[in-house]
Amino acid sequence: MVNINYSTLLIESLISSITDLERSSKTVLDALLKITESEIGFVGIIEPGTKVLVIKSFKNVGKHFMKEEKVIYPDENDRYPAPFGYAINERIAFYINDLKAYPVLKNILEDYFLVERFIVVPVMLNDKVLGLIVLANSKKDYTNNDLEQVKKIGKYYAIALERYWLEKEIKKYTQDLERIVEEKVKELHERETLAAIGQMTLMVAHDLRNPLQVISNYSFLLDNTAKSNPCKISERVRKYVQVIEKNILYIDRIAKDLQYLGKREAKLEPVNLQAIVGETLKQFPKSENIKIIKDVDNIRTQLDPLLIVKALSNIILNAIQAMPKGGTLMIKAKQKNSIIEFTVTDTGVGMSDEVKRNLFKPFYTTKSKGMGLGLALVKHVVDLHHGTIEVESEPNKGTKITIKIPSIK
């Protein structure tokens, strides 16, 4: 019953996120020493990059081991030295109760600490070795039940370790991503011409793609981990995957916005205004508390459909966000003489004069999250079409944004 309690407590501990490898390895070691009634032991972790086996926690081992063997290096063939490297090299868990039958091994172990019997288990996830557990000098002979207990704990520890390394990598790439954006934003602010902004946004978009791909890859690995392990672990990992995927979409949207900002010309083609507005509205799920009114002419003109849809989408998204409690959204697309006029009107919170003055500046935002590219992109799209944009808004009285583009048949 004691063993079951220790196992349960340890598994519960490993299910929660690891933030300190030394503390977690000590928890694992202390519990396993009690479960197996062992006097001596250590827990080692293989660092992903160097493949070095680092002893993170140990108890009652000799001075020689503590001072000189706290780090164990593999050879040029990634093979670890005896006596315990065999478990890693062959991916085998085993125990020995009679060292007299192995005189060579007995002599090697005496250089480390006095051992009567021992058990060795590689910490593994699928076929990947992440660490090593060594326990010795139980008050009784080790049994197959002891081996299975340690292997079970080792499996949970492997899952926890893999999650720790994945989270660490994701955090690193997230920090790198933030640093890249901050550096590029600083450079952008130092350059005043539109051409410089276009060039730099393309560079930012390109740089974003690399960490975005890495995060996407780790999302795939986390998902695979969830599918190959117990349900309680799997549900937790699936939640991590969902959060990662959500942020991947968010970063991808930023990258696309930056690429649009880098465009230097509009690719005009014949389009129907009703088709443009319809394609734009497809991007927004229906909401019961927002009423949409459309007034769109059924005419054709020359526009860049991708850019116009993107611009209208950003305006509509701002309008919807300005109506958190619901309201009315009116969308018009009309031809007036030689001008195509798009108008988006909402009944939301409106904006102050200061916000209106800065509305279309890159990286200006009043929101807690976001880079402030949405309406800057709208202005860029309008400029590429040689048009104009007007804003009418007052606090608590809604907002009306009008885009005017010369009509080309």
Protein backbone atom coordinates (compact mmCIF):
# COMPACT_ATOMS: atom_id res chain seq x y z
CA MET A 1 0.00 0.00 0.00
CA VAL A 2 2.92 2.29 0.76
CA ASN A 3 4.34 1.77 -2.74
CA ILE A 4 0.98 2.58 -4.34
CA ASN A 5 0.72 5.83 -2.40
CA TYR A 6 4.23 6.92 -3.37
CA SER A 7 3.60 5.97 -7.00
CA THR A 8 0.34 7.92 -7.11
CA LEU A 9 1.84 11.02 -5.52
CA LEU A 10 4.83 10.90 -7.83
CA ILE A 11 2.71 10.49 -10.98
CA GLU A 12 0.51 13.40 -9.90
CA SER A 13 3.66 15.48 -9.42
CA LEU A 14 4.99 14.57 -12.87
CA ILE A 15 1.67 15.36 -14.55
CA SER A 16 2.07 18.99 -13.51
CA SER A 17 4.59 21.06 -15.46
CA ILE A 18 8.30 20.67 -14.60
CA THR A 19 9.95 24.01 -13.91
CA ASP A 20 13.04 22.84 -12.00
CA LEU A 21 14.88 19.73 -13.23
CA GLU A 22 16.91 19.30 -10.02
CA ARG A 23 13.83 19.47 -7.81
CA SER A 24 11.81 17.14 -10.06
CA SER A 25 14.63 14.59 -10.29
CA LYS A 26 15.04 14.68 -6.50
CA THR A 27 11.31 14.02 -6.12
CA VAL A 28 11.58 11.04 -8.46
CA LEU A 29 14.67 9.68 -6.71
CA ASP A 30 13.31 10.08 -3.15
CA ALA A 31 10.07 8.33 -4.07
CA LEU A 32 11.78 5.45 -5.87
CA LEU A 33 14.24 4.90 -3.01
CA LYS A 34 11.27 4.44 -0.70
CA ILE A 35 9.28 2.32 -3.17
CA THR A 36 12.16 -0.08 -3.71
CA GLU A 37 13.60 0.26 -0.17
CA SER A 38 16.96 1.24 -1.68
CA GLU A 39 19.74 3.09 0.14
CA ILE A 40 21.66 4.45 -2.84
CA GLY A 41 20.64 5.98 -6.15
CA PHE A 42 20.81 8.71 -8.71
CA VAL A 43 18.73 10.20 -11.53
CA GLY A 44 20.43 11.46 -14.67
CA ILE A 45 19.08 13.45 -17.62
CA ILE A 46 20.41 13.40 -21.17
CA GLU A 47 20.67 16.96 -22.47
CA PRO A 48 19.03 17.15 -25.94
CA GLY A 49 21.77 19.12 -27.67
CA THR A 50 24.98 17.68 -26.22
CA LYS A 51 23.68 14.16 -25.40
CA VAL A 52 25.64 14.41 -22.15
CA LEU A 53 24.20 12.45 -19.23
CA VAL A 54 23.97 14.92 -16.35
CA ILE A 55 23.33 13.59 -12.86
CA LYS A 56 20.63 15.84 -11.45
CA SER A 57 20.01 14.09 -8.13
CA PHE A 58 21.91 11.48 -6.11
CA LYS A 59 21.95 9.96 -2.62
CA ASN A 60 24.69 8.19 -0.66
CA VAL A 61 27.03 7.81 -3.64
CA GLY A 62 30.78 7.97 -3.23
CA LYS A 63 32.95 11.08 -3.29
CA HIS A 64 34.63 10.00 -6.53
CA PHE A 65 31.28 9.82 -8.28
CA MET A 66 30.05 13.13 -6.91
CA LYS A 67 33.15 15.11 -7.85
CA GLU A 68 34.27 13.56 -11.11
CA GLU A 69 31.37 11.69 -12.64
CA LYS A 70 28.48 14.10 -12.29
CA VAL A 71 28.62 14.46 -16.08
CA ILE A 72 28.98 11.36 -18.25
CA TYR A 73 29.91 11.82 -21.91
CA PRO A 74 29.09 9.42 -24.74
CA ASP A 75 31.84 8.32 -27.09
CA GLU A 76 32.05 9.20 -30.80
CA ASN A 77 29.43 6.52 -31.51
CA ASP A 78 27.04 7.94 -28.88
CA ARG A 79 27.70 4.93 -26.61
CA TYR A 80 27.81 5.48 -22.85
CA PRO A 81 30.46 3.83 -20.64
CA ALA A 82 29.94 0.93 -18.25
CA PRO A 83 28.59 0.04 -15.84
CA PHE A 84 25.27 1.84 -16.29
CA GLY A 85 25.69 2.98 -19.88
CA TYR A 86 24.64 -0.50 -21.02
CA ALA A 87 21.03 0.29 -20.09
CA ILE A 88 21.07 3.41 -22.28
CA ASN A 89 23.00 1.85 -25.15
CA GLU A 90 20.78 -1.23 -25.39
CA ARG A 91 17.58 0.46 -24.11
CA ILE A 92 17.18 -2.28 -21.53
CA ALA A 93 16.07 -2.11 -17.89
CA PHE A 94 17.60 -4.75 -15.61
CA TYR A 95 18.60 -5.61 -12.06
CA ILE A 96 21.38 -7.69 -10.51
CA ASN A 97 21.14 -9.18 -7.01
CA ASP A 98 24.40 -11.18 -6.92
CA LEU A 99 27.41 -9.09 -7.90
CA LYS A 100 29.73 -11.98 -7.04
CA ALA A 101 28.67 -13.53 -10.32
CA TYR A 102 30.04 -10.45 -12.13
CA PRO A 103 33.54 -9.85 -10.65
CA VAL A 104 34.57 -7.34 -13.33
CA LEU A 105 31.42 -5.30 -12.78
CA LYS A 106 31.90 -5.55 -9.01
CA ASN A 107 35.40 -4.08 -9.28
CA ILE A 108 34.19 -1.20 -11.46
CA LEU A 109 31.35 -0.34 -9.07
CA GLU A 110 33.63 -0.32 -6.03
CA ASP A 111 35.34 2.73 -7.53
CA TYR A 112 32.03 4.57 -7.26
CA PHE A 113 30.33 3.23 -4.17
CA LEU A 114 29.86 -0.04 -2.30
CA VAL A 115 27.11 -1.93 -4.07
CA GLU A 116 25.52 -5.22 -3.07
CA ARG A 117 22.70 -5.24 -5.62
CA PHE A 118 21.27 -2.67 -8.04
CA ILE A 119 18.55 -1.89 -10.56
CA VAL A 120 19.00 0.27 -13.70
CA VAL A 121 16.20 1.73 -15.84
CA PRO A 122 16.60 4.01 -18.89
CA VAL A 123 14.09 6.88 -18.90
CA MET A 124 12.42 6.40 -22.28
CA LEU A 125 9.63 7.83 -24.43
CA ASN A 126 8.89 5.48 -27.31
CA ASP A 127 12.43 4.58 -28.47
CA LYS A 128 14.06 7.81 -27.30
CA VAL A 129 16.22 7.72 -24.14
CA LEU A 130 15.87 10.90 -22.08
CA GLY A 131 17.68 9.88 -18.91
CA LEU A 132 18.66 7.13 -16.48
CA ILE A 133 17.53 5.88 -13.06
CA VAL A 134 19.91 3.83 -10.89
CA LEU A 135 18.93 2.39 -7.48
CA ALA A 136 21.08 0.18 -5.27
CA ASN A 137 21.37 -1.71 -2.00
CA SER A 138 17.76 -2.57 -1.30
CA LYS A 139 17.21 -4.35 1.99
CA LYS A 140 15.91 -7.28 -0.06
CA ASP A 141 16.56 -8.72 -3.48
CA TYR A 142 15.12 -6.70 -6.36
CA THR A 143 12.19 -8.34 -8.15
CA ASN A 144 10.37 -8.02 -11.46
CA ASN A 145 7.72 -6.05 -9.60
CA ASP A 146 10.37 -3.51 -8.53
CA LEU A 147 11.58 -3.29 -12.11
CA GLU A 148 8.06 -2.67 -13.45
CA GLN A 149 7.41 -0.02 -10.78
CA VAL A 150 10.55 1.89 -11.68
CA LYS A 151 9.87 1.51 -15.44
CA LYS A 152 6.34 2.88 -14.91
CA ILE A 153 7.64 5.92 -13.03
CA GLY A 154 10.37 6.30 -15.65
CA LYS A 155 7.75 6.46 -18.40
CA TYR A 156 5.85 9.26 -16.67
CA TYR A 157 9.12 11.04 -15.95
CA ALA A 158 10.04 10.73 -19.64
CA ILE A 159 6.75 12.33 -20.65
CA ALA A 160 7.34 15.15 -18.15
CA LEU A 161 10.90 15.65 -19.39
CA GLU A 162 9.83 15.73 -23.05
CA ARG A 163 7.19 18.31 -22.21
CA TYR A 164 9.79 20.34 -20.29
CA TRP A 165 12.19 20.42 -23.25
CA LEU A 166 9.41 21.19 -25.71
CA GLU A 167 8.09 24.04 -23.58
CA LYS A 168 11.64 25.35 -23.17
CA GLU A 169 12.19 25.33 -26.94
CA ILE A 170 8.84 26.99 -27.60
CA LYS A 171 9.60 29.65 -24.99
CA LYS A 172 13.00 30.25 -26.59
CA TYR A 173 11.53 30.67 -30.06
CA THR A 174 8.77 32.87 -28.70
CA GLN A 175 11.37 35.11 -27.07
CA ASP A 176 13.39 35.12 -30.29
CA LEU A 177 10.23 36.04 -32.19
CA GLU A 178 9.49 38.93 -29.84
CA ARG A 179 13.10 40.09 -30.14
CA ILE A 180 12.94 39.97 -33.94
CA VAL A 181 9.72 41.98 -34.01
CA GLU A 182 11.09 44.54 -31.53
CA GLU A 183 14.27 44.95 -33.56
CA LYS A 184 12.40 45.33 -36.83
CA VAL A 185 9.90 47.77 -35.28
CA LYS A 186 12.79 49.88 -33.98
CA GLU A 187 14.39 49.88 -37.41
CA LEU A 188 11.07 50.80 -39.01
CA HIS A 189 10.60 53.76 -36.72
CA GLU A 190 14.05 54.97 -37.67
CA ARG A 191 13.12 54.99 -41.35
CA GLU A 192 10.58 57.51 -42.57
CA THR A 193 9.92 56.62 -46.18
CA LEU A 194 7.21 54.27 -47.38
CA ALA A 195 9.74 52.33 -49.43
CA ALA A 196 11.78 51.59 -46.31
CA ILE A 197 8.66 50.42 -44.48
CA GLY A 198 7.81 48.07 -47.33
CA GLN A 199 11.31 46.59 -47.41
CA MET A 200 11.53 46.08 -43.67
CA THR A 201 8.06 44.51 -43.35
CA LEU A 202 9.05 41.92 -45.92
CA MET A 203 12.14 41.13 -43.85
CA VAL A 204 10.07 40.79 -40.67
CA ALA A 205 7.59 38.53 -42.44
CA HIS A 206 10.45 36.36 -43.67
CA ASP A 207 12.01 36.15 -40.21
CA LEU A 208 8.67 35.26 -38.63
CA ARG A 209 8.29 32.24 -40.88
CA ASN A 210 11.28 30.37 -39.42
CA PRO A 211 10.23 30.31 -35.74
CA LEU A 212 6.64 29.81 -36.87
CA GLN A 213 7.67 26.61 -38.64
CA VAL A 214 9.56 25.43 -35.55
CA ILE A 215 6.53 26.03 -33.31
CA SER A 216 4.36 24.19 -35.83
CA ASN A 217 6.77 21.23 -35.75
CA TYR A 218 6.74 21.07 -31.97
CA SER A 219 2.94 21.23 -32.03
CA PHE A 220 3.06 18.10 -34.18
CA LEU A 221 5.44 16.40 -31.73
CA LEU A 222 3.23 17.29 -28.76
CA ASP A 223 0.21 15.90 -30.57
CA ASN A 224 2.06 12.62 -31.23
CA THR A 225 3.08 12.46 -27.58
CA ALA A 226 -0.57 12.86 -26.56
CA LYS A 227 -1.67 10.02 -28.85
CA SER A 228 0.92 7.58 -27.52
CA ASN A 229 0.43 8.07 -23.79
CA PRO A 230 -2.19 7.71 -21.00
CA CYS A 231 -5.43 9.66 -21.25
CA LYS A 232 -4.73 11.98 -18.33
CA ILE A 233 -1.46 13.05 -19.88
CA SER A 234 -2.92 13.15 -23.34
CA GLU A 235 -5.70 15.58 -22.40
CA ARG A 236 -3.17 17.98 -20.86
CA VAL A 237 -0.89 17.77 -23.88
CA ARG A 238 -3.84 18.27 -26.26
CA LYS A 239 -4.61 21.53 -24.44
CA TYR A 240 -1.01 22.62 -24.98
CA VAL A 241 -1.37 21.76 -28.67
CA GLN A 242 -4.54 23.84 -28.95
CA VAL A 243 -2.83 26.86 -27.38
CA ILE A 244 0.18 26.47 -29.68
CA GLU A 245 -2.00 26.11 -32.78
CA LYS A 246 -4.00 29.19 -31.81
CA ASN A 247 -0.79 31.20 -31.54
CA ILE A 248 0.51 29.77 -34.79
CA LEU A 249 -2.57 31.17 -36.54
CA TYR A 250 -2.05 34.51 -34.80
CA ILE A 251 1.62 34.72 -35.83
CA ASP A 252 0.75 33.59 -39.34
CA ARG A 253 -1.78 36.42 -39.62
CA ILE A 254 0.89 38.93 -38.54
CA ALA A 255 3.31 37.54 -41.12
CA LYS A 256 0.70 37.81 -43.86
CA ASP A 257 -0.14 41.38 -42.84
CA LEU A 258 3.53 42.27 -43.05
CA GLN A 259 3.80 40.70 -46.49
CA TYR A 260 0.80 42.70 -47.67
CA LEU A 261 2.42 45.85 -46.30
CA GLY A 262 5.47 45.04 -48.38
CA LYS A 263 3.55 44.94 -51.67
CA ARG A 264 4.52 47.71 -54.04
CA GLU A 265 1.65 47.54 -56.52
CA ALA A 266 -1.94 46.41 -56.86
CA LYS A 267 -2.66 43.64 -59.39
CA LEU A 268 -5.86 44.89 -60.97
CA GLU A 269 -8.40 42.52 -62.46
CA PRO A 270 -12.15 42.62 -63.26
CA VAL A 271 -14.16 41.93 -60.10
CA ASN A 272 -17.78 42.22 -58.99
CA LEU A 273 -18.48 44.37 -55.94
CA GLN A 274 -21.02 41.89 -54.58
CA ALA A 275 -18.49 39.08 -54.91
CA ILE A 276 -15.87 41.16 -53.07
CA VAL A 277 -18.17 41.91 -50.13
CA GLY A 278 -19.45 38.33 -50.05
CA GLU A 279 -15.94 36.92 -49.94
CA THR A 280 -15.05 39.33 -47.14
CA LEU A 281 -18.03 38.39 -44.96
CA LYS A 282 -17.27 34.67 -45.33
CA GLN A 283 -14.34 35.21 -42.97
CA PHE A 284 -16.60 36.15 -40.07
CA PRO A 285 -18.88 33.70 -38.23
CA LYS A 286 -22.49 34.74 -37.81
CA SER A 287 -23.27 36.48 -34.54
CA GLU A 288 -26.72 36.74 -32.99
CA ASN A 289 -25.99 40.07 -31.33
CA ILE A 290 -24.63 41.82 -34.43
CA LYS A 291 -27.02 42.79 -37.22
CA ILE A 292 -25.44 43.11 -40.66
CA ILE A 293 -26.95 45.39 -43.31
CA LYS A 294 -25.59 45.26 -46.88
CA ASP A 295 -26.11 47.76 -49.68
CA VAL A 296 -23.89 46.65 -52.57
CA ASP A 297 -24.10 47.48 -56.29
CA ASN A 298 -23.98 44.58 -58.73
CA ILE A 299 -21.27 46.07 -60.94
CA ARG A 300 -17.79 45.15 -62.19
CA THR A 301 -14.67 47.23 -61.88
CA GLN A 302 -10.88 46.88 -61.80
CA LEU A 303 -9.42 46.13 -58.34
CA ASP A 304 -6.90 43.86 -56.64
CA PRO A 305 -9.39 41.46 -55.02
CA LEU A 306 -6.97 39.96 -52.49
CA LEU A 307 -5.91 43.38 -51.21
CA ILE A 308 -9.42 44.82 -51.11
CA VAL A 309 -10.80 41.78 -49.26
CA LYS A 310 -7.94 42.06 -46.78
CA ALA A 311 -8.57 45.78 -46.23
CA LEU A 312 -12.32 45.34 -45.78
CA SER A 313 -11.75 42.39 -43.43
CA ASN A 314 -9.52 44.48 -41.18
CA ILE A 315 -12.06 47.32 -41.06
CA ILE A 316 -14.93 44.93 -40.30
CA LEU A 317 -12.89 43.15 -37.62
CA ASN A 318 -12.25 46.50 -35.90
CA ALA A 319 -15.94 47.34 -36.17
CA ILE A 320 -16.99 44.05 -34.59
CA GLN A 321 -14.45 44.45 -31.78
CA ALA A 322 -15.84 47.93 -31.14
CA MET A 323 -19.25 46.37 -30.43
CA PRO A 324 -18.56 43.86 -27.62
CA LYS A 325 -22.20 43.98 -26.52
CA GLY A 326 -23.57 43.81 -30.04
CA GLY A 327 -24.91 46.39 -32.47
CA THR A 328 -25.43 47.07 -36.16
CA LEU A 329 -22.82 46.73 -38.88
CA MET A 330 -23.61 48.39 -42.23
CA ILE A 331 -21.54 47.63 -45.33
CA LYS A 332 -21.93 49.59 -48.55
CA ALA A 333 -20.15 49.24 -51.89
CA LYS A 334 -21.44 51.76 -54.46
CA GLN A 335 -20.34 53.41 -57.67
CA LYS A 336 -20.73 57.18 -57.60
CA ASN A 337 -19.79 58.75 -60.91
CA SER A 338 -16.19 57.63 -61.50
CA ILE A 339 -15.56 56.55 -57.90
CA ILE A 340 -16.02 53.18 -56.18
CA GLU A 341 -16.99 53.83 -52.60
CA PHE A 342 -16.77 51.27 -49.78
CA THR A 343 -18.33 52.27 -46.47
CA VAL A 344 -18.30 50.36 -43.18
CA THR A 345 -20.36 51.79 -40.33
CA ASP A 346 -20.72 50.42 -36.79
CA THR A 347 -22.65 51.45 -33.69
CA GLY A 348 -19.74 50.71 -31.35
CA VAL A 349 -17.69 52.60 -28.80
CA GLY A 350 -16.27 55.13 -31.28
CA MET A 351 -12.91 56.82 -30.88
CA SER A 352 -11.31 60.04 -29.72
CA ASP A 353 -9.67 62.67 -31.93
CA GLU A 354 -6.23 61.47 -30.83
CA VAL A 355 -6.98 57.90 -31.89
CA LYS A 356 -8.31 59.11 -35.24
CA ARG A 357 -5.13 61.10 -35.89
CA ASN A 358 -2.94 58.03 -35.36
CA LEU A 359 -5.33 55.42 -36.68
CA PHE A 360 -3.43 54.49 -39.84
CA LYS A 361 0.11 54.70 -38.49
CA PRO A 362 2.00 51.39 -38.47
CA PHE A 363 2.34 49.83 -35.01
CA TYR A 364 -0.12 52.21 -33.39
CA THR A 365 -2.76 50.35 -31.39
CA THR A 366 -5.06 50.89 -28.41
CA LYS A 367 -5.47 47.14 -27.86
CA SER A 368 -3.58 45.06 -25.28
CA LYS A 369 -2.68 42.46 -27.92
CA GLY A 370 -1.60 43.04 -31.49
CA MET A 371 1.00 44.93 -33.49
CA GLY A 372 -1.22 47.69 -34.82
CA LEU A 373 -0.85 46.69 -38.46
CA GLY A 374 -4.50 46.19 -39.39
CA LEU A 375 -5.55 49.73 -40.30
CA ALA A 376 -2.05 50.65 -41.49
CA LEU A 377 -2.52 47.84 -44.00
CA VAL A 378 -5.91 49.30 -45.00
CA LYS A 379 -4.27 52.65 -45.72
CA HIS A 380 -1.52 50.93 -47.72
CA VAL A 381 -4.08 49.04 -49.84
CA VAL A 382 -6.00 52.25 -50.52
CA ASP A 383 -2.79 54.04 -51.51
CA LEU A 384 -1.90 51.25 -53.94
CA HIS A 385 -5.29 51.83 -55.60
CA HIS A 386 -4.68 55.61 -55.68
CA GLY A 387 -7.67 56.14 -53.42
CA THR A 388 -8.52 57.97 -50.22
CA ILE A 389 -9.85 56.97 -46.83
CA GLU A 390 -12.01 58.98 -44.44
CA VAL A 391 -12.97 58.39 -40.80
CA GLU A 392 -15.97 59.79 -38.96
CA SER A 393 -16.22 58.84 -35.28
CA GLU A 394 -17.08 60.08 -31.83
CA PRO A 395 -16.81 58.34 -28.46
CA ASN A 396 -19.90 56.19 -27.80
CA LYS A 397 -21.44 57.16 -31.17
CA GLY A 398 -19.91 54.59 -33.47
CA THR A 399 -17.54 54.85 -36.42
CA LYS A 400 -17.87 55.24 -40.17
CA ILE A 401 -14.93 54.49 -42.49
CA THR A 402 -15.19 55.34 -46.16
CA ILE A 403 -12.80 54.20 -48.90
CA LYS A 404 -12.90 55.94 -52.27
CA ILE A 405 -11.13 54.39 -55.26
CA PRO A 406 -11.12 55.63 -58.86
CA SER A 407 -13.27 53.38 -61.03
CA ILE A 408 -11.51 51.60 -63.89
CA LYS A 409 -13.59 49.67 -66.42
